[in-house]
N, C-alpha and C. Protein backbone atom coordinates (compact mmCIF):
# COMPACT_ATOMS: atom_id res chain seq x y z
N VAL A 1 -33.78 -13.91 -19.81
CA VAL A 1 -33.18 -13.47 -18.55
C VAL A 1 -31.80 -12.89 -18.86
N PRO A 2 -31.55 -11.64 -18.49
CA PRO A 2 -30.23 -11.05 -18.77
C PRO A 2 -29.13 -11.77 -18.02
N ALA A 3 -27.98 -11.84 -18.65
CA ALA A 3 -26.83 -12.51 -18.03
C ALA A 3 -26.33 -11.70 -16.84
N THR A 4 -25.85 -12.40 -15.82
CA THR A 4 -25.27 -11.74 -14.65
C THR A 4 -23.87 -11.24 -15.00
N PRO A 5 -23.57 -9.96 -14.77
CA PRO A 5 -22.22 -9.46 -15.09
C PRO A 5 -21.16 -10.23 -14.33
N LYS A 6 -20.09 -10.55 -15.01
CA LYS A 6 -18.99 -11.27 -14.37
C LYS A 6 -18.08 -10.30 -13.64
N LYS A 7 -17.47 -10.78 -12.57
CA LYS A 7 -16.51 -9.99 -11.82
C LYS A 7 -15.10 -10.41 -12.22
N HIS A 8 -14.26 -9.46 -12.51
CA HIS A 8 -12.88 -9.76 -12.86
C HIS A 8 -11.96 -8.89 -12.01
N THR A 9 -10.74 -9.33 -11.86
CA THR A 9 -9.76 -8.56 -11.12
C THR A 9 -8.55 -8.28 -12.00
N LYS A 10 -7.88 -7.23 -11.67
CA LYS A 10 -6.68 -6.83 -12.41
C LYS A 10 -5.66 -6.31 -11.43
N SER A 11 -4.46 -6.89 -11.44
CA SER A 11 -3.40 -6.44 -10.54
C SER A 11 -2.73 -5.19 -11.09
N LEU A 12 -2.47 -4.25 -10.21
CA LEU A 12 -1.84 -2.99 -10.60
C LEU A 12 -0.42 -2.90 -10.05
N ASP A 13 0.32 -1.94 -10.56
CA ASP A 13 1.69 -1.76 -10.12
C ASP A 13 1.75 -1.38 -8.65
N ASN A 14 2.86 -1.75 -8.02
CA ASN A 14 3.09 -1.39 -6.63
C ASN A 14 3.22 0.13 -6.52
N GLY A 15 2.36 0.74 -5.69
CA GLY A 15 2.40 2.19 -5.54
C GLY A 15 3.31 2.64 -4.42
N LEU A 16 4.03 1.70 -3.79
CA LEU A 16 4.88 2.03 -2.65
C LEU A 16 6.31 2.33 -3.12
N SER A 17 6.94 3.30 -2.48
CA SER A 17 8.31 3.66 -2.82
C SER A 17 9.26 3.29 -1.68
N ASN A 18 10.49 2.95 -2.05
CA ASN A 18 11.55 2.69 -1.06
C ASN A 18 11.13 1.63 -0.03
N GLY A 19 10.51 0.55 -0.52
CA GLY A 19 10.02 -0.49 0.38
C GLY A 19 11.12 -1.23 1.12
N THR A 20 12.34 -1.19 0.60
CA THR A 20 13.46 -1.85 1.26
C THR A 20 14.30 -0.86 2.07
N PHE A 21 13.86 0.38 2.14
CA PHE A 21 14.55 1.42 2.90
C PHE A 21 15.99 1.61 2.45
N SER A 22 16.22 1.39 1.16
CA SER A 22 17.58 1.56 0.63
C SER A 22 17.95 3.04 0.51
N VAL A 23 16.95 3.92 0.43
CA VAL A 23 17.19 5.35 0.39
C VAL A 23 17.04 5.88 1.81
N ASN A 24 18.10 6.46 2.34
CA ASN A 24 18.12 6.93 3.73
C ASN A 24 17.52 8.34 3.80
N ARG A 25 16.18 8.37 3.77
CA ARG A 25 15.49 9.65 3.80
C ARG A 25 14.17 9.48 4.54
N LEU A 26 13.94 10.25 5.57
CA LEU A 26 12.72 10.18 6.38
C LEU A 26 12.16 11.57 6.60
N GLY A 27 10.84 11.70 6.43
CA GLY A 27 10.16 12.89 6.90
C GLY A 27 9.60 12.63 8.28
N THR A 28 8.96 13.60 8.87
CA THR A 28 8.36 13.41 10.19
C THR A 28 6.94 14.00 10.22
N ILE A 29 6.05 13.33 10.96
CA ILE A 29 4.73 13.88 11.27
C ILE A 29 4.48 13.66 12.75
N ASN A 30 3.68 14.53 13.35
CA ASN A 30 3.53 14.50 14.81
C ASN A 30 2.97 13.17 15.32
N THR A 31 1.88 12.72 14.70
CA THR A 31 1.25 11.46 15.10
C THR A 31 0.90 10.68 13.85
N TRP A 32 0.62 9.39 14.02
CA TRP A 32 0.30 8.55 12.87
C TRP A 32 -0.94 9.03 12.13
N SER A 33 -1.84 9.73 12.82
CA SER A 33 -3.10 10.16 12.22
C SER A 33 -3.03 11.53 11.56
N ALA A 34 -1.86 12.18 11.64
CA ALA A 34 -1.72 13.51 11.04
C ALA A 34 -1.74 13.41 9.51
N SER A 35 -2.01 14.52 8.86
CA SER A 35 -1.99 14.57 7.40
C SER A 35 -0.57 14.38 6.89
N LEU A 36 -0.46 13.72 5.74
CA LEU A 36 0.84 13.56 5.09
C LEU A 36 0.65 13.52 3.59
N PRO A 37 1.65 13.94 2.83
CA PRO A 37 1.51 13.96 1.37
C PRO A 37 1.81 12.59 0.76
N ALA A 38 1.25 12.35 -0.42
CA ALA A 38 1.56 11.13 -1.17
C ALA A 38 2.74 11.42 -2.08
N ASP A 39 3.93 11.51 -1.49
CA ASP A 39 5.12 11.93 -2.23
C ASP A 39 6.18 10.83 -2.33
N GLY A 40 5.80 9.58 -1.97
CA GLY A 40 6.74 8.48 -2.10
C GLY A 40 7.79 8.43 -1.01
N MET A 41 7.59 9.17 0.08
CA MET A 41 8.57 9.19 1.15
C MET A 41 7.98 8.58 2.42
N TRP A 42 8.82 7.89 3.20
CA TRP A 42 8.42 7.38 4.50
C TRP A 42 8.50 8.51 5.52
N TYR A 43 7.54 8.51 6.46
CA TYR A 43 7.50 9.49 7.53
C TYR A 43 7.56 8.79 8.88
N ALA A 44 8.40 9.29 9.76
CA ALA A 44 8.47 8.77 11.13
C ALA A 44 7.39 9.46 11.95
N THR A 45 6.62 8.67 12.71
CA THR A 45 5.50 9.21 13.46
C THR A 45 5.74 9.10 14.96
N ASP A 46 5.00 9.90 15.72
CA ASP A 46 5.01 9.82 17.18
C ASP A 46 6.44 9.79 17.72
N GLU A 47 6.74 8.85 18.61
CA GLU A 47 8.07 8.81 19.22
C GLU A 47 9.16 8.27 18.29
N ALA A 48 8.75 7.74 17.14
CA ALA A 48 9.74 7.34 16.14
C ALA A 48 10.47 8.55 15.57
N ARG A 49 9.91 9.75 15.77
CA ARG A 49 10.61 10.95 15.33
C ARG A 49 11.92 11.11 16.09
N ALA A 50 11.92 10.68 17.36
CA ALA A 50 13.13 10.79 18.18
C ALA A 50 13.97 9.53 18.15
N TYR A 51 13.29 8.37 18.08
CA TYR A 51 14.01 7.09 18.22
C TYR A 51 14.10 6.30 16.91
N GLY A 52 13.55 6.83 15.82
CA GLY A 52 13.53 6.09 14.56
C GLY A 52 14.57 6.55 13.57
N SER A 53 15.05 5.62 12.75
CA SER A 53 16.02 5.96 11.72
C SER A 53 16.10 4.83 10.71
N ILE A 54 16.71 5.12 9.57
CA ILE A 54 17.04 4.09 8.58
C ILE A 54 18.51 3.77 8.74
N ILE A 55 18.83 2.50 8.95
CA ILE A 55 20.22 2.11 9.15
C ILE A 55 20.60 1.01 8.18
N SER A 56 21.87 0.74 8.07
CA SER A 56 22.37 -0.31 7.19
C SER A 56 23.35 -1.18 7.96
N VAL A 57 23.13 -2.49 7.91
CA VAL A 57 24.01 -3.45 8.57
C VAL A 57 24.42 -4.50 7.54
N GLU A 58 25.70 -4.58 7.26
CA GLU A 58 26.24 -5.54 6.31
C GLU A 58 25.52 -5.49 4.96
N GLY A 59 25.27 -4.27 4.51
CA GLY A 59 24.67 -4.07 3.20
C GLY A 59 23.16 -4.13 3.16
N ASN A 60 22.51 -4.46 4.27
CA ASN A 60 21.05 -4.53 4.31
C ASN A 60 20.50 -3.31 5.05
N SER A 61 19.66 -2.55 4.36
CA SER A 61 19.05 -1.36 4.97
C SER A 61 17.66 -1.69 5.49
N PHE A 62 17.29 -1.06 6.61
CA PHE A 62 15.97 -1.26 7.19
C PHE A 62 15.67 -0.09 8.12
N ALA A 63 14.41 0.02 8.52
CA ALA A 63 13.99 1.08 9.44
C ALA A 63 13.98 0.53 10.85
N ARG A 64 14.47 1.31 11.81
CA ARG A 64 14.58 0.85 13.19
C ARG A 64 14.03 1.89 14.16
N ILE A 65 13.33 1.40 15.18
CA ILE A 65 12.96 2.23 16.33
C ILE A 65 13.70 1.66 17.52
N SER A 66 14.54 2.47 18.13
CA SER A 66 15.36 2.02 19.25
C SER A 66 15.16 2.95 20.43
N SER A 67 14.31 2.54 21.37
CA SER A 67 14.01 3.39 22.52
C SER A 67 14.40 2.67 23.81
N PRO A 68 14.89 3.40 24.81
CA PRO A 68 15.32 2.77 26.05
C PRO A 68 14.14 2.34 26.93
N GLN A 69 12.95 2.77 26.59
CA GLN A 69 11.77 2.45 27.39
C GLN A 69 10.59 2.24 26.45
N TYR A 70 9.41 2.07 27.03
CA TYR A 70 8.22 1.91 26.20
C TYR A 70 8.05 3.13 25.31
N SER A 71 7.73 2.87 24.04
CA SER A 71 7.44 3.97 23.13
C SER A 71 6.47 3.48 22.07
N SER A 72 5.75 4.41 21.46
CA SER A 72 4.85 4.07 20.36
C SER A 72 5.19 4.97 19.18
N GLY A 73 5.12 4.40 18.02
CA GLY A 73 5.43 5.16 16.81
C GLY A 73 5.74 4.22 15.68
N GLY A 74 6.00 4.79 14.52
CA GLY A 74 6.28 3.93 13.38
C GLY A 74 6.69 4.70 12.16
N PHE A 75 6.58 4.02 11.01
CA PHE A 75 6.96 4.58 9.72
C PHE A 75 5.78 4.42 8.77
N THR A 76 5.45 5.49 8.07
CA THR A 76 4.24 5.50 7.26
C THR A 76 4.46 6.17 5.92
N GLN A 77 3.64 5.77 4.96
CA GLN A 77 3.69 6.33 3.61
C GLN A 77 2.27 6.36 3.06
N LEU A 78 1.96 7.36 2.26
CA LEU A 78 0.64 7.51 1.67
C LEU A 78 0.70 7.16 0.19
N ILE A 79 -0.25 6.32 -0.26
CA ILE A 79 -0.30 5.93 -1.67
C ILE A 79 -1.67 6.28 -2.25
N GLU A 80 -1.73 6.40 -3.55
CA GLU A 80 -3.00 6.65 -4.23
C GLU A 80 -3.88 5.41 -4.13
N ALA A 81 -5.18 5.59 -3.91
CA ALA A 81 -6.11 4.46 -3.83
C ALA A 81 -7.49 4.92 -4.24
N HIS A 82 -8.36 3.96 -4.57
CA HIS A 82 -9.71 4.26 -5.03
C HIS A 82 -10.70 3.27 -4.43
N PRO A 83 -11.98 3.64 -4.34
CA PRO A 83 -12.99 2.74 -3.78
C PRO A 83 -13.06 1.42 -4.55
N GLY A 84 -13.23 0.33 -3.82
CA GLY A 84 -13.37 -0.99 -4.43
C GLY A 84 -12.07 -1.73 -4.63
N GLN A 85 -10.94 -1.02 -4.60
CA GLN A 85 -9.66 -1.71 -4.75
C GLN A 85 -9.39 -2.59 -3.53
N ILE A 86 -8.80 -3.73 -3.77
CA ILE A 86 -8.35 -4.60 -2.68
C ILE A 86 -6.84 -4.39 -2.56
N ILE A 87 -6.40 -3.90 -1.41
CA ILE A 87 -4.98 -3.60 -1.20
C ILE A 87 -4.44 -4.54 -0.12
N SER A 88 -3.29 -5.13 -0.41
CA SER A 88 -2.59 -5.98 0.55
C SER A 88 -1.22 -5.37 0.83
N PHE A 89 -0.90 -5.27 2.10
CA PHE A 89 0.38 -4.71 2.56
C PHE A 89 1.14 -5.80 3.29
N THR A 90 2.30 -6.16 2.75
CA THR A 90 3.15 -7.19 3.35
C THR A 90 4.48 -6.56 3.74
N GLY A 91 4.98 -6.94 4.90
CA GLY A 91 6.27 -6.45 5.34
C GLY A 91 6.90 -7.42 6.32
N GLU A 92 8.12 -7.12 6.72
CA GLU A 92 8.83 -7.97 7.68
C GLU A 92 9.24 -7.14 8.90
N SER A 93 9.27 -7.81 10.04
CA SER A 93 9.67 -7.13 11.27
C SER A 93 10.40 -8.10 12.18
N ARG A 94 11.15 -7.54 13.11
CA ARG A 94 11.79 -8.34 14.15
C ARG A 94 11.95 -7.46 15.39
N GLY A 95 12.07 -8.11 16.56
CA GLY A 95 12.21 -7.38 17.81
C GLY A 95 13.28 -7.99 18.68
N PHE A 96 13.80 -7.20 19.60
CA PHE A 96 14.91 -7.65 20.43
C PHE A 96 14.58 -7.61 21.92
N ASP A 97 13.30 -7.52 22.23
CA ASP A 97 12.83 -7.55 23.61
C ASP A 97 11.62 -8.47 23.69
N SER A 98 11.26 -8.87 24.88
CA SER A 98 10.02 -9.61 25.07
C SER A 98 8.86 -8.63 25.20
N GLN A 99 7.65 -9.15 25.15
CA GLN A 99 6.45 -8.33 25.29
C GLN A 99 6.38 -7.23 24.24
N GLN A 100 6.66 -7.59 22.99
CA GLN A 100 6.61 -6.59 21.93
C GLN A 100 5.36 -6.76 21.06
N ASN A 101 4.71 -5.65 20.77
CA ASN A 101 3.55 -5.61 19.89
C ASN A 101 3.87 -4.78 18.66
N ILE A 102 3.72 -5.39 17.50
CA ILE A 102 4.04 -4.75 16.24
C ILE A 102 2.80 -4.83 15.35
N TYR A 103 2.52 -3.75 14.64
CA TYR A 103 1.29 -3.68 13.85
C TYR A 103 1.60 -3.28 12.41
N PHE A 104 0.80 -3.86 11.50
CA PHE A 104 0.81 -3.46 10.10
C PHE A 104 -0.58 -2.89 9.81
N TYR A 105 -0.64 -1.67 9.29
CA TYR A 105 -1.93 -1.01 9.07
C TYR A 105 -2.11 -0.57 7.61
N LEU A 106 -3.36 -0.63 7.16
CA LEU A 106 -3.83 0.05 5.95
C LEU A 106 -4.95 0.98 6.39
N ILE A 107 -4.83 2.28 6.07
CA ILE A 107 -5.79 3.26 6.57
C ILE A 107 -6.27 4.12 5.39
N PRO A 108 -7.43 3.77 4.80
CA PRO A 108 -7.95 4.59 3.70
C PRO A 108 -8.39 5.97 4.17
N ARG A 109 -8.14 6.97 3.32
CA ARG A 109 -8.51 8.36 3.61
C ARG A 109 -9.30 8.94 2.43
N ASN A 110 -10.13 9.92 2.73
CA ASN A 110 -10.89 10.57 1.66
C ASN A 110 -10.10 11.74 1.07
N GLN A 111 -10.75 12.49 0.18
CA GLN A 111 -10.05 13.57 -0.53
C GLN A 111 -9.58 14.66 0.42
N GLU A 112 -10.26 14.82 1.54
CA GLU A 112 -9.86 15.83 2.54
C GLU A 112 -8.80 15.29 3.50
N GLY A 113 -8.40 14.04 3.33
CA GLY A 113 -7.40 13.45 4.20
C GLY A 113 -7.96 12.83 5.47
N GLU A 114 -9.30 12.82 5.60
CA GLU A 114 -9.92 12.24 6.79
C GLU A 114 -9.87 10.71 6.74
N ILE A 115 -9.66 10.09 7.89
CA ILE A 115 -9.56 8.64 7.98
C ILE A 115 -10.95 8.02 7.86
N LEU A 116 -11.10 7.03 6.97
CA LEU A 116 -12.38 6.37 6.74
C LEU A 116 -12.49 5.04 7.49
N GLN A 117 -11.39 4.34 7.64
CA GLN A 117 -11.40 2.99 8.21
C GLN A 117 -9.96 2.61 8.54
N ALA A 118 -9.78 1.48 9.21
CA ALA A 118 -8.43 0.97 9.48
C ALA A 118 -8.44 -0.55 9.43
N PHE A 119 -7.51 -1.11 8.68
CA PHE A 119 -7.30 -2.55 8.63
C PHE A 119 -5.96 -2.83 9.28
N SER A 120 -5.88 -3.86 10.13
CA SER A 120 -4.63 -4.08 10.87
C SER A 120 -4.29 -5.55 11.02
N PHE A 121 -3.01 -5.79 11.21
CA PHE A 121 -2.48 -7.11 11.55
C PHE A 121 -1.52 -6.92 12.71
N ASN A 122 -1.68 -7.74 13.75
CA ASN A 122 -0.87 -7.61 14.96
C ASN A 122 0.13 -8.77 15.02
N LEU A 123 1.42 -8.42 15.13
CA LEU A 123 2.48 -9.40 15.26
C LEU A 123 3.03 -9.30 16.68
N VAL A 124 2.87 -10.37 17.45
CA VAL A 124 3.27 -10.36 18.86
C VAL A 124 4.58 -11.11 19.04
N ASN A 125 5.55 -10.46 19.67
CA ASN A 125 6.84 -11.06 19.99
C ASN A 125 7.45 -11.83 18.81
N PRO A 126 7.81 -11.13 17.73
CA PRO A 126 8.35 -11.82 16.56
C PRO A 126 9.72 -12.46 16.80
N GLY A 127 10.46 -11.98 17.79
CA GLY A 127 11.80 -12.52 18.03
C GLY A 127 12.84 -11.86 17.15
N ILE A 128 14.06 -12.36 17.21
CA ILE A 128 15.17 -11.71 16.53
C ILE A 128 15.26 -12.08 15.05
N ASN A 129 14.48 -13.06 14.59
CA ASN A 129 14.46 -13.42 13.18
C ASN A 129 13.37 -12.64 12.46
N TRP A 130 13.64 -12.26 11.22
CA TRP A 130 12.65 -11.52 10.44
C TRP A 130 11.39 -12.35 10.28
N THR A 131 10.24 -11.74 10.57
CA THR A 131 8.95 -12.43 10.47
C THR A 131 8.02 -11.60 9.59
N GLU A 132 7.34 -12.28 8.67
CA GLU A 132 6.48 -11.59 7.71
C GLU A 132 5.06 -11.43 8.25
N GLY A 133 4.45 -10.31 7.93
CA GLY A 133 3.06 -10.05 8.26
C GLY A 133 2.35 -9.43 7.08
N THR A 134 1.04 -9.67 6.98
CA THR A 134 0.25 -9.13 5.87
C THR A 134 -1.10 -8.65 6.38
N VAL A 135 -1.52 -7.50 5.87
CA VAL A 135 -2.86 -7.00 6.14
C VAL A 135 -3.49 -6.62 4.81
N SER A 136 -4.79 -6.93 4.66
CA SER A 136 -5.51 -6.64 3.42
C SER A 136 -6.84 -5.97 3.73
N GLY A 137 -7.33 -5.19 2.80
CA GLY A 137 -8.63 -4.56 2.97
C GLY A 137 -9.18 -4.04 1.66
N THR A 138 -10.50 -3.98 1.56
CA THR A 138 -11.18 -3.39 0.41
C THR A 138 -11.45 -1.92 0.70
N MET A 139 -11.00 -1.06 -0.18
CA MET A 139 -11.12 0.37 0.04
C MET A 139 -12.59 0.80 0.00
N PRO A 140 -13.06 1.53 1.03
CA PRO A 140 -14.46 1.92 1.11
C PRO A 140 -14.80 3.09 0.18
N GLU A 141 -16.10 3.35 0.05
CA GLU A 141 -16.57 4.48 -0.73
C GLU A 141 -15.96 5.78 -0.21
N GLY A 142 -15.52 6.62 -1.13
CA GLY A 142 -14.91 7.89 -0.75
C GLY A 142 -13.41 7.86 -0.65
N THR A 143 -12.79 6.68 -0.83
CA THR A 143 -11.34 6.57 -0.71
C THR A 143 -10.63 7.35 -1.80
N ASN A 144 -9.65 8.13 -1.40
CA ASN A 144 -8.81 8.88 -2.34
C ASN A 144 -7.34 8.50 -2.21
N SER A 145 -6.97 7.98 -1.03
CA SER A 145 -5.60 7.55 -0.78
C SER A 145 -5.63 6.50 0.33
N CYS A 146 -4.50 5.84 0.55
CA CYS A 146 -4.42 4.85 1.61
C CYS A 146 -3.07 4.99 2.32
N GLN A 147 -3.13 5.07 3.63
CA GLN A 147 -1.93 5.18 4.45
C GLN A 147 -1.42 3.78 4.79
N VAL A 148 -0.15 3.54 4.50
CA VAL A 148 0.53 2.30 4.85
C VAL A 148 1.37 2.59 6.10
N LEU A 149 1.23 1.76 7.14
CA LEU A 149 1.85 2.11 8.42
C LEU A 149 2.44 0.88 9.11
N PHE A 150 3.76 0.93 9.38
CA PHE A 150 4.42 0.04 10.33
C PHE A 150 4.32 0.73 11.69
N PHE A 151 3.91 0.01 12.74
CA PHE A 151 3.75 0.68 14.03
C PHE A 151 4.20 -0.22 15.16
N LYS A 152 4.82 0.40 16.16
CA LYS A 152 5.31 -0.30 17.34
C LYS A 152 4.69 0.30 18.59
N GLY A 153 4.26 -0.57 19.52
CA GLY A 153 3.78 -0.10 20.80
C GLY A 153 4.36 -0.98 21.89
N SER A 154 5.64 -0.80 22.18
CA SER A 154 6.31 -1.69 23.14
C SER A 154 7.68 -1.12 23.49
N THR A 155 8.43 -1.87 24.26
CA THR A 155 9.78 -1.46 24.65
C THR A 155 10.82 -1.96 23.65
N GLY A 156 12.02 -1.41 23.74
CA GLY A 156 13.17 -1.96 23.04
C GLY A 156 13.23 -1.66 21.55
N ILE A 157 14.10 -2.44 20.89
CA ILE A 157 14.40 -2.23 19.47
C ILE A 157 13.46 -3.04 18.60
N VAL A 158 12.91 -2.39 17.56
CA VAL A 158 12.08 -3.06 16.56
C VAL A 158 12.54 -2.61 15.19
N ASP A 159 12.67 -3.56 14.26
CA ASP A 159 13.08 -3.27 12.89
C ASP A 159 11.95 -3.59 11.91
N PHE A 160 11.91 -2.84 10.80
CA PHE A 160 10.94 -3.06 9.74
C PHE A 160 11.66 -3.07 8.39
N ASP A 161 11.18 -3.92 7.47
CA ASP A 161 11.84 -4.00 6.17
C ASP A 161 10.90 -4.65 5.15
N ASN A 162 11.33 -4.59 3.87
CA ASN A 162 10.70 -5.29 2.75
C ASN A 162 9.19 -5.08 2.67
N ALA A 163 8.80 -3.81 2.65
CA ALA A 163 7.39 -3.46 2.50
C ALA A 163 6.97 -3.58 1.04
N GLU A 164 5.84 -4.23 0.82
CA GLU A 164 5.30 -4.39 -0.54
C GLU A 164 3.79 -4.16 -0.51
N ILE A 165 3.29 -3.61 -1.59
CA ILE A 165 1.86 -3.38 -1.75
C ILE A 165 1.39 -4.09 -3.01
N GLN A 166 0.28 -4.81 -2.90
CA GLN A 166 -0.38 -5.38 -4.07
C GLN A 166 -1.78 -4.79 -4.16
N ILE A 167 -2.10 -4.23 -5.31
CA ILE A 167 -3.40 -3.59 -5.51
C ILE A 167 -4.17 -4.38 -6.57
N THR A 168 -5.37 -4.79 -6.24
CA THR A 168 -6.21 -5.52 -7.17
C THR A 168 -7.45 -4.69 -7.47
N GLU A 169 -7.64 -4.40 -8.75
CA GLU A 169 -8.80 -3.64 -9.20
C GLU A 169 -9.92 -4.62 -9.52
N THR A 170 -11.07 -4.44 -8.90
CA THR A 170 -12.21 -5.32 -9.13
C THR A 170 -13.29 -4.54 -9.85
N GLY A 171 -13.86 -5.12 -10.90
CA GLY A 171 -14.91 -4.42 -11.64
C GLY A 171 -15.74 -5.39 -12.47
N GLN A 172 -16.72 -4.85 -13.17
CA GLN A 172 -17.61 -5.67 -13.99
C GLN A 172 -17.06 -5.88 -15.38
N ASP A 173 -17.42 -7.01 -15.95
CA ASP A 173 -17.09 -7.34 -17.34
C ASP A 173 -18.35 -7.94 -17.95
N ARG A 174 -19.25 -7.07 -18.43
CA ARG A 174 -20.58 -7.52 -18.84
C ARG A 174 -20.55 -8.54 -19.97
N ASP A 175 -19.61 -8.35 -20.94
CA ASP A 175 -19.61 -9.26 -22.09
C ASP A 175 -18.67 -10.45 -21.91
N GLY A 176 -17.96 -10.50 -20.78
CA GLY A 176 -17.14 -11.67 -20.48
C GLY A 176 -15.93 -11.85 -21.36
N ASP A 177 -15.39 -10.75 -21.91
CA ASP A 177 -14.22 -10.88 -22.79
C ASP A 177 -12.90 -10.69 -22.06
N GLY A 178 -12.95 -10.55 -20.73
CA GLY A 178 -11.72 -10.43 -19.96
C GLY A 178 -11.21 -9.01 -19.81
N VAL A 179 -11.92 -8.02 -20.35
CA VAL A 179 -11.55 -6.61 -20.24
C VAL A 179 -12.60 -5.91 -19.38
N LEU A 180 -12.17 -5.24 -18.31
CA LEU A 180 -13.12 -4.56 -17.44
C LEU A 180 -13.89 -3.50 -18.21
N ASP A 181 -15.18 -3.32 -17.83
CA ASP A 181 -16.04 -2.37 -18.55
C ASP A 181 -15.43 -0.98 -18.61
N LEU A 182 -14.75 -0.56 -17.54
CA LEU A 182 -14.16 0.77 -17.52
C LEU A 182 -13.09 0.95 -18.59
N GLU A 183 -12.51 -0.16 -19.06
CA GLU A 183 -11.44 -0.10 -20.07
C GLU A 183 -11.89 -0.66 -21.41
N ASP A 184 -13.17 -1.01 -21.52
CA ASP A 184 -13.70 -1.67 -22.72
C ASP A 184 -14.51 -0.66 -23.53
N SER A 185 -14.07 -0.39 -24.76
CA SER A 185 -14.80 0.54 -25.63
C SER A 185 -16.12 -0.06 -26.10
N TYR A 186 -16.23 -1.41 -26.01
CA TYR A 186 -17.45 -2.11 -26.41
C TYR A 186 -17.83 -3.09 -25.30
N PRO A 187 -18.35 -2.58 -24.16
CA PRO A 187 -18.57 -3.44 -22.99
C PRO A 187 -19.65 -4.50 -23.17
N ASP A 188 -20.45 -4.40 -24.26
CA ASP A 188 -21.51 -5.39 -24.49
C ASP A 188 -21.25 -6.26 -25.71
N ASP A 189 -20.04 -6.18 -26.24
CA ASP A 189 -19.69 -6.99 -27.41
C ASP A 189 -18.47 -7.84 -27.06
N GLN A 190 -18.67 -9.15 -27.01
CA GLN A 190 -17.59 -10.05 -26.59
C GLN A 190 -16.44 -10.10 -27.60
N LYS A 191 -16.71 -9.71 -28.86
CA LYS A 191 -15.69 -9.81 -29.89
C LYS A 191 -14.87 -8.52 -30.03
N LEU A 192 -15.31 -7.45 -29.35
CA LEU A 192 -14.62 -6.17 -29.48
C LEU A 192 -14.29 -5.60 -28.10
N ALA A 193 -13.15 -4.94 -28.01
CA ALA A 193 -12.78 -4.32 -26.74
C ALA A 193 -12.20 -2.92 -26.93
N PHE A 194 -11.49 -2.70 -28.03
CA PHE A 194 -10.88 -1.38 -28.26
C PHE A 194 -10.64 -1.21 -29.75
N ASP A 195 -10.36 0.05 -30.14
CA ASP A 195 -10.06 0.38 -31.54
C ASP A 195 -8.57 0.55 -31.70
N ASP A 196 -8.04 0.02 -32.79
CA ASP A 196 -6.61 0.12 -33.08
C ASP A 196 -6.45 0.80 -34.44
N TYR A 197 -5.79 1.95 -34.44
CA TYR A 197 -5.66 2.74 -35.67
C TYR A 197 -4.21 2.72 -36.16
N TYR A 198 -4.08 2.69 -37.49
CA TYR A 198 -2.74 2.79 -38.08
C TYR A 198 -2.81 3.66 -39.32
N PRO A 199 -1.92 4.61 -39.48
CA PRO A 199 -0.82 4.97 -38.56
C PRO A 199 -1.30 5.74 -37.32
N ALA A 200 -2.48 6.38 -37.38
CA ALA A 200 -3.06 7.06 -36.23
C ALA A 200 -4.53 7.31 -36.53
N LYS A 201 -5.31 7.61 -35.46
CA LYS A 201 -6.76 7.77 -35.64
C LYS A 201 -7.09 8.85 -36.65
N ASP A 202 -6.42 9.96 -36.62
CA ASP A 202 -6.73 11.10 -37.51
C ASP A 202 -5.71 11.28 -38.61
N LYS A 203 -4.96 10.20 -38.90
CA LYS A 203 -3.94 10.30 -39.95
C LYS A 203 -4.17 9.20 -40.97
N PRO A 204 -4.43 9.57 -42.22
CA PRO A 204 -4.70 8.54 -43.25
C PRO A 204 -3.43 7.81 -43.69
N GLY A 205 -3.62 6.61 -44.22
CA GLY A 205 -2.49 5.84 -44.73
C GLY A 205 -2.86 5.18 -46.04
N THR A 206 -1.92 4.50 -46.65
CA THR A 206 -2.16 3.85 -47.96
C THR A 206 -1.87 2.37 -47.81
N LEU A 207 -2.79 1.53 -48.32
CA LEU A 207 -2.62 0.08 -48.32
C LEU A 207 -2.51 -0.39 -49.75
N ALA A 208 -1.41 -1.03 -50.10
CA ALA A 208 -1.20 -1.50 -51.47
C ALA A 208 -1.30 -3.02 -51.50
């Protein structure tokens, strides 16, 4: 009976830029669902184009939406993503009014930029203290990128900060040596995983 391939995971580097909003730079897009480039920049969406900004208070920078009435909008960034990856988006938010609804979204898109799915976490009335929220999702077939989105749909002032992304690559490891098949030069040999050449693959050397 052939052995069942083992599943292994591998954590990847954070693909998010300026998660603490220390760089005071914002682009704009008309709505949260509009196309945007994966250029490492945050974009203000919807009414956040008028009421959103990056501010600094006592050395701490964060993104703020400050509207005198009900408004919807947020701050978004596009990161590279692939099918099967498990992505977790964690951030902090706070609000200064009652009846506030705050959302954290992960929105995978295909190569044409079309939305494939949406994963969300809803934070209701977080109060004036920073409150953490997390949303996670497995990227569906066809994923080429993933939109990270802080979103507000309520009245008053809402702040966002400390955005982080964790990406976990899941794949098969047929020989159980701890190296994913995609990175294993010998996926069926538990004793081998890659070739190491010295001084180089096509350069001879002398051993005395």
